[in-house]
Protein backbone atom coordinates (compact mmCIF):
# COMPACT_ATOMS: atom_id res chain seq x y z
CA MET A 1 -0.54 7.04 -7.35
CA THR A 2 1.74 4.10 -7.56
CA LYS A 3 1.75 1.92 -4.37
CA GLN A 4 4.99 1.34 -2.89
CA ILE A 5 6.70 -0.20 0.22
CA LYS A 6 9.79 1.62 1.19
CA ILE A 7 12.50 -0.20 3.29
CA ARG A 8 15.56 1.15 4.66
CA VAL A 9 18.25 -0.95 6.44
CA TYR A 10 20.42 1.07 8.65
CA PRO A 11 23.86 0.22 9.56
CA ASP A 12 23.43 -0.94 13.00
CA GLY A 13 21.02 -3.39 11.59
CA ARG A 14 17.52 -1.51 12.11
CA ILE A 15 14.98 -1.75 9.52
CA GLU A 16 12.25 0.92 8.84
CA SER A 17 9.36 0.51 6.18
CA GLU A 18 7.07 2.96 5.06
CA THR A 19 3.85 2.18 2.75
CA VAL A 20 3.05 5.05 0.06
CA GLY A 21 -0.14 5.47 -1.80
CA ILE A 22 -1.76 2.84 0.13
CA LYS A 23 -4.83 4.29 1.65
CA GLY A 24 -7.17 2.63 4.70
CA LYS A 25 -6.61 -0.32 6.70
CA SER A 26 -5.12 -2.06 3.44
CA CYS A 27 -1.42 -1.00 4.37
CA LEU A 28 -1.65 -3.37 7.35
CA ASN A 29 -1.91 -6.04 5.27
CA TYR A 30 1.93 -5.68 4.40
CA ILE A 31 3.35 -5.62 7.74
CA LYS A 32 3.87 -9.63 7.70
CA GLU A 33 5.04 -9.39 4.01
CA VAL A 34 7.85 -6.91 5.03
CA GLU A 35 8.62 -8.99 8.19
CA GLN A 36 8.97 -12.57 5.91
CA LEU A 37 11.24 -10.30 3.50
CA THR A 38 13.53 -8.73 5.92
CA GLY A 39 13.49 -11.80 8.73
CA ALA A 40 12.43 -9.15 11.37
CA LYS A 41 9.76 -8.41 13.64
CA THR A 42 7.61 -5.34 13.87
CA VAL A 43 8.54 -3.42 17.44
CA TYR A 44 6.82 -0.17 16.66
CA SER A 45 4.30 1.00 14.27
CA GLU A 46 2.87 4.35 13.47
CA PHE A 47 0.11 5.36 11.32
CA THR A 48 0.47 7.87 8.31
CA GLU A 49 -2.23 10.10 7.00
CA GLU A 50 -3.04 7.72 4.42
CA TYR A 51 -4.23 5.28 6.67
CA HIS A 52 -7.22 7.56 7.91
CA GLN A 53 -7.91 8.23 4.10
CA GLN A 54 -10.37 5.61 1.97
CA GLU A 55 -9.26 3.89 -1.35
CA VAL A 56 -11.01 5.00 -4.18
CA TYR A 57 -12.16 2.71 -7.03
CA ASN A 58 -13.12 3.73 -10.49
CA ASP A 59 -14.79 1.23 -12.49
CA THR A 60 -16.48 2.05 -15.76
CA TYR A 61 -19.37 -0.17 -17.19
CA ASN A 62 -20.99 1.21 -20.47
CA GLU A 63 -23.87 -1.21 -20.93
CA GLY A 64 -25.13 -1.34 -24.84
CA TYR A 65 -22.16 0.87 -25.59
CA GLN A 66 -20.79 0.25 -29.49
CA GLN A 67 -18.06 2.25 -30.99
CA GLY A 68 -18.51 3.29 -34.37
CA GLY A 69 -22.07 2.05 -34.70
CA TYR A 70 -24.97 3.70 -36.41
């Protein structure tokens, strides 16, 4: 899933943001980024289901593999 930050600006000036596809505590790293982009300060924060999940990294390493070799 693509990592996204959704930002909504309401007519009354209220701003909401939500991280999507960012699992675990790493989503918290984006709070300051959103504050800087919008010029706003966080007054309320709520954890999503993704906060309680772990990010999975898939790295593949093939030692000694040669494509098309004999």
